[in-house]
Amino acid sequence: MLGFIVRLVGFAVLLGVASRVAQTLWSNDGLEAFAALQPLHDTGVVALLVAPFVLALIGIGRLRPLAVFVAFALAGAAVTAPFVCARLAGA
């Protein structure tokens, strides 16, 4: 049980920091003005809120390296998404 809580807190901190960085970049790039991009932003925020619990559940035993990889991949995608959206939107 303690291992689950440690994994949950670790994944939550990692993805929470990535979410805040992504939100700051999203705001600084002025992407709130593009209504077509809002569903992408909302989906990403929900995914980053749910992911720590799911990753902590599957991060048991032999699946732990996979859960850690997915967590870092999600964090990287969240941080780079505002740059890609700004490029595509022409902001």
N, C-alpha and C. Protein backbone atom coordinates (compact mmCIF):
# COMPACT_ATOMS: atom_id res chain seq x y z
N MET A 1 0.82 -1.20 0.00
CA MET A 1 0.00 0.00 0.00
C MET A 1 0.86 1.26 0.00
N LEU A 2 1.94 1.23 0.76
CA LEU A 2 2.82 2.39 0.82
C LEU A 2 3.46 2.66 -0.54
N GLY A 3 3.83 1.60 -1.26
CA GLY A 3 4.41 1.77 -2.60
C GLY A 3 3.45 2.43 -3.56
N PHE A 4 2.16 2.07 -3.46
CA PHE A 4 1.15 2.69 -4.31
C PHE A 4 1.05 4.19 -4.03
N ILE A 5 1.05 4.55 -2.77
CA ILE A 5 0.94 5.96 -2.39
C ILE A 5 2.16 6.75 -2.85
N VAL A 6 3.34 6.16 -2.71
CA VAL A 6 4.56 6.84 -3.17
C VAL A 6 4.52 7.03 -4.68
N ARG A 7 4.12 5.99 -5.41
CA ARG A 7 4.02 6.11 -6.87
C ARG A 7 2.97 7.16 -7.26
N LEU A 8 1.83 7.13 -6.56
CA LEU A 8 0.77 8.09 -6.87
C LEU A 8 1.24 9.52 -6.66
N VAL A 9 1.89 9.78 -5.54
CA VAL A 9 2.39 11.13 -5.26
C VAL A 9 3.47 11.53 -6.26
N GLY A 10 4.38 10.61 -6.57
CA GLY A 10 5.44 10.91 -7.53
C GLY A 10 4.91 11.24 -8.91
N PHE A 11 3.99 10.41 -9.40
CA PHE A 11 3.40 10.68 -10.71
C PHE A 11 2.58 11.97 -10.69
N ALA A 12 1.86 12.22 -9.60
CA ALA A 12 1.05 13.43 -9.50
C ALA A 12 1.92 14.69 -9.51
N VAL A 13 3.04 14.63 -8.80
CA VAL A 13 3.94 15.80 -8.79
C VAL A 13 4.53 16.02 -10.17
N LEU A 14 5.02 14.97 -10.81
CA LEU A 14 5.61 15.09 -12.14
C LEU A 14 4.61 15.66 -13.14
N LEU A 15 3.43 15.08 -13.20
CA LEU A 15 2.45 15.52 -14.18
C LEU A 15 1.79 16.83 -13.78
N GLY A 16 1.71 17.13 -12.50
CA GLY A 16 1.19 18.42 -12.05
C GLY A 16 2.10 19.56 -12.45
N VAL A 17 3.40 19.37 -12.27
CA VAL A 17 4.36 20.40 -12.68
C VAL A 17 4.32 20.58 -14.19
N ALA A 18 4.25 19.47 -14.93
CA ALA A 18 4.17 19.56 -16.39
C ALA A 18 2.89 20.28 -16.82
N SER A 19 1.79 20.04 -16.11
CA SER A 19 0.53 20.70 -16.43
C SER A 19 0.61 22.20 -16.19
N ARG A 20 1.24 22.60 -15.10
CA ARG A 20 1.36 24.04 -14.81
C ARG A 20 2.29 24.73 -15.81
N VAL A 21 3.37 24.07 -16.19
CA VAL A 21 4.27 24.64 -17.20
C VAL A 21 3.54 24.78 -18.52
N ALA A 22 2.79 23.75 -18.90
CA ALA A 22 2.03 23.79 -20.15
C ALA A 22 0.98 24.90 -20.11
N GLN A 23 0.31 25.07 -18.98
CA GLN A 23 -0.69 26.13 -18.86
C GLN A 23 -0.05 27.50 -18.99
N THR A 24 1.11 27.68 -18.39
CA THR A 24 1.82 28.95 -18.51
C THR A 24 2.22 29.23 -19.95
N LEU A 25 2.75 28.23 -20.62
CA LEU A 25 3.13 28.40 -22.02
C LEU A 25 1.91 28.66 -22.90
N TRP A 26 0.80 27.98 -22.59
CA TRP A 26 -0.44 28.16 -23.34
C TRP A 26 -0.92 29.60 -23.22
N SER A 27 -0.87 30.13 -22.00
CA SER A 27 -1.31 31.51 -21.77
C SER A 27 -0.36 32.52 -22.39
N ASN A 28 0.94 32.28 -22.26
CA ASN A 28 1.92 33.22 -22.80
C ASN A 28 1.88 33.29 -24.32
N ASP A 29 1.52 32.19 -24.96
CA ASP A 29 1.44 32.17 -26.43
C ASP A 29 0.11 32.72 -26.93
N GLY A 30 -0.80 33.06 -26.02
CA GLY A 30 -2.09 33.62 -26.41
C GLY A 30 -3.02 32.64 -27.09
N LEU A 31 -2.94 31.38 -26.71
CA LEU A 31 -3.75 30.36 -27.38
C LEU A 31 -5.18 30.30 -26.86
N GLU A 32 -5.52 31.07 -25.82
CA GLU A 32 -6.90 31.10 -25.35
C GLU A 32 -7.82 31.71 -26.39
N ALA A 33 -7.27 32.53 -27.26
CA ALA A 33 -8.07 33.23 -28.26
C ALA A 33 -8.55 32.32 -29.39
N PHE A 34 -7.98 31.15 -29.51
CA PHE A 34 -8.35 30.22 -30.58
C PHE A 34 -9.33 29.19 -30.05
N ALA A 35 -10.60 29.36 -30.38
CA ALA A 35 -11.65 28.47 -29.88
C ALA A 35 -11.50 27.05 -30.40
N ALA A 36 -10.92 26.90 -31.58
CA ALA A 36 -10.75 25.56 -32.15
C ALA A 36 -9.74 24.72 -31.36
N LEU A 37 -8.85 25.37 -30.64
CA LEU A 37 -7.84 24.65 -29.87
C LEU A 37 -8.30 24.32 -28.45
N GLN A 38 -9.40 24.90 -28.01
CA GLN A 38 -9.85 24.70 -26.62
C GLN A 38 -10.14 23.23 -26.29
N PRO A 39 -10.79 22.45 -27.18
CA PRO A 39 -11.00 21.03 -26.85
C PRO A 39 -9.69 20.27 -26.65
N LEU A 40 -8.66 20.61 -27.40
CA LEU A 40 -7.36 19.96 -27.22
C LEU A 40 -6.80 20.27 -25.83
N HIS A 41 -6.92 21.51 -25.43
CA HIS A 41 -6.42 21.93 -24.13
C HIS A 41 -7.19 21.23 -23.01
N ASP A 42 -8.51 21.19 -23.13
CA ASP A 42 -9.33 20.56 -22.09
C ASP A 42 -9.05 19.07 -21.97
N THR A 43 -8.88 18.40 -23.10
CA THR A 43 -8.57 16.97 -23.09
C THR A 43 -7.22 16.71 -22.44
N GLY A 44 -6.24 17.54 -22.74
CA GLY A 44 -4.92 17.38 -22.15
C GLY A 44 -4.93 17.58 -20.65
N VAL A 45 -5.68 18.55 -20.18
CA VAL A 45 -5.75 18.80 -18.73
C VAL A 45 -6.41 17.61 -18.03
N VAL A 46 -7.49 17.10 -18.58
CA VAL A 46 -8.17 15.95 -17.97
C VAL A 46 -7.26 14.73 -17.97
N ALA A 47 -6.55 14.51 -19.07
CA ALA A 47 -5.63 13.37 -19.13
C ALA A 47 -4.53 13.48 -18.08
N LEU A 48 -4.01 14.67 -17.86
CA LEU A 48 -2.96 14.85 -16.86
C LEU A 48 -3.50 14.75 -15.44
N LEU A 49 -4.78 14.97 -15.24
CA LEU A 49 -5.38 14.80 -13.91
C LEU A 49 -5.65 13.34 -13.59
N VAL A 50 -6.04 12.56 -14.58
CA VAL A 50 -6.40 11.16 -14.38
C VAL A 50 -5.17 10.24 -14.43
N ALA A 51 -4.18 10.60 -15.20
CA ALA A 51 -3.03 9.74 -15.46
C ALA A 51 -2.27 9.30 -14.21
N PRO A 52 -2.04 10.14 -13.20
CA PRO A 52 -1.28 9.65 -12.04
C PRO A 52 -1.92 8.44 -11.35
N PHE A 53 -3.23 8.44 -11.23
CA PHE A 53 -3.90 7.32 -10.59
C PHE A 53 -3.77 6.05 -11.43
N VAL A 54 -3.99 6.18 -12.73
CA VAL A 54 -3.88 5.02 -13.62
C VAL A 54 -2.45 4.49 -13.64
N LEU A 55 -1.49 5.37 -13.73
CA LEU A 55 -0.08 4.94 -13.76
C LEU A 55 0.34 4.31 -12.45
N ALA A 56 -0.17 4.82 -11.33
CA ALA A 56 0.16 4.21 -10.03
C ALA A 56 -0.45 2.81 -9.92
N LEU A 57 -1.63 2.62 -10.50
CA LEU A 57 -2.26 1.30 -10.47
C LEU A 57 -1.50 0.29 -11.32
N ILE A 58 -1.07 0.68 -12.52
CA ILE A 58 -0.40 -0.29 -13.39
C ILE A 58 1.10 -0.37 -13.10
N GLY A 59 1.63 0.52 -12.29
CA GLY A 59 3.07 0.54 -12.03
C GLY A 59 3.51 -0.45 -10.97
N ILE A 60 2.98 -1.65 -11.03
CA ILE A 60 3.30 -2.67 -10.04
C ILE A 60 4.16 -3.74 -10.71
N GLY A 61 5.23 -4.13 -10.04
CA GLY A 61 6.07 -5.22 -10.52
C GLY A 61 6.77 -4.92 -11.82
N ARG A 62 6.55 -5.81 -12.79
CA ARG A 62 7.27 -5.71 -14.06
C ARG A 62 6.78 -4.57 -14.94
N LEU A 63 5.63 -3.99 -14.64
CA LEU A 63 5.10 -2.89 -15.45
C LEU A 63 5.56 -1.52 -14.97
N ARG A 64 6.34 -1.48 -13.89
CA ARG A 64 6.80 -0.20 -13.35
C ARG A 64 7.62 0.60 -14.37
N PRO A 65 8.58 0.00 -15.08
CA PRO A 65 9.32 0.80 -16.08
C PRO A 65 8.41 1.37 -17.17
N LEU A 66 7.40 0.62 -17.57
CA LEU A 66 6.46 1.12 -18.56
C LEU A 66 5.68 2.31 -18.02
N ALA A 67 5.24 2.24 -16.77
CA ALA A 67 4.49 3.34 -16.17
C ALA A 67 5.36 4.60 -16.06
N VAL A 68 6.62 4.42 -15.69
CA VAL A 68 7.53 5.57 -15.59
C VAL A 68 7.77 6.18 -16.97
N PHE A 69 7.95 5.33 -17.98
CA PHE A 69 8.14 5.82 -19.34
C PHE A 69 6.92 6.60 -19.82
N VAL A 70 5.73 6.06 -19.59
CA VAL A 70 4.51 6.74 -20.01
C VAL A 70 4.35 8.07 -19.28
N ALA A 71 4.70 8.10 -18.00
CA ALA A 71 4.60 9.35 -17.23
C ALA A 71 5.51 10.43 -17.82
N PHE A 72 6.75 10.07 -18.11
CA PHE A 72 7.66 11.06 -18.69
C PHE A 72 7.26 11.43 -20.12
N ALA A 73 6.70 10.48 -20.87
CA ALA A 73 6.23 10.80 -22.22
C ALA A 73 5.06 11.77 -22.16
N LEU A 74 4.13 11.56 -21.22
CA LEU A 74 3.02 12.49 -21.05
C LEU A 74 3.50 13.87 -20.62
N ALA A 75 4.47 13.91 -19.72
CA ALA A 75 5.01 15.20 -19.28
C ALA A 75 5.67 15.93 -20.44
N GLY A 76 6.43 15.21 -21.23
CA GLY A 76 7.08 15.83 -22.39
C GLY A 76 6.06 16.31 -23.42
N ALA A 77 5.03 15.51 -23.65
CA ALA A 77 3.99 15.91 -24.60
C ALA A 77 3.23 17.14 -24.10
N ALA A 78 2.98 17.19 -22.80
CA ALA A 78 2.25 18.33 -22.24
C ALA A 78 3.05 19.62 -22.35
N VAL A 79 4.35 19.52 -22.16
CA VAL A 79 5.18 20.73 -22.20
C VAL A 79 5.39 21.20 -23.63
N THR A 80 5.46 20.29 -24.59
CA THR A 80 5.70 20.70 -25.98
C THR A 80 4.42 21.01 -26.74
N ALA A 81 3.26 20.60 -26.25
CA ALA A 81 2.00 20.82 -26.97
C ALA A 81 1.70 22.29 -27.24
N PRO A 82 1.92 23.21 -26.29
CA PRO A 82 1.64 24.62 -26.61
C PRO A 82 2.48 25.16 -27.77
N PHE A 83 3.72 24.70 -27.90
CA PHE A 83 4.56 25.15 -29.01
C PHE A 83 3.99 24.66 -30.34
N VAL A 84 3.56 23.41 -30.37
CA VAL A 84 3.00 22.84 -31.60
C VAL A 84 1.69 23.52 -31.95
N CYS A 85 0.83 23.71 -30.96
CA CYS A 85 -0.46 24.36 -31.22
C CYS A 85 -0.27 25.80 -31.68
N ALA A 86 0.69 26.51 -31.08
CA ALA A 86 0.96 27.89 -31.50
C ALA A 86 1.47 27.92 -32.94
N ARG A 87 2.27 26.97 -33.29
CA ARG A 87 2.81 26.91 -34.66
C ARG A 87 1.69 26.64 -35.66
N LEU A 88 0.80 25.68 -35.32
CA LEU A 88 -0.28 25.33 -36.22
C LEU A 88 -1.33 26.44 -36.32
N ALA A 89 -1.55 27.15 -35.22
CA ALA A 89 -2.55 28.22 -35.20
C ALA A 89 -2.01 29.51 -35.80
N GLY A 90 -0.72 29.60 -35.95
CA GLY A 90 -0.12 30.81 -36.49
C GLY A 90 -0.04 31.93 -35.48
N ALA A 91 -0.04 31.56 -34.20
CA ALA A 91 0.04 32.58 -33.14
C ALA A 91 1.44 33.05 -32.94
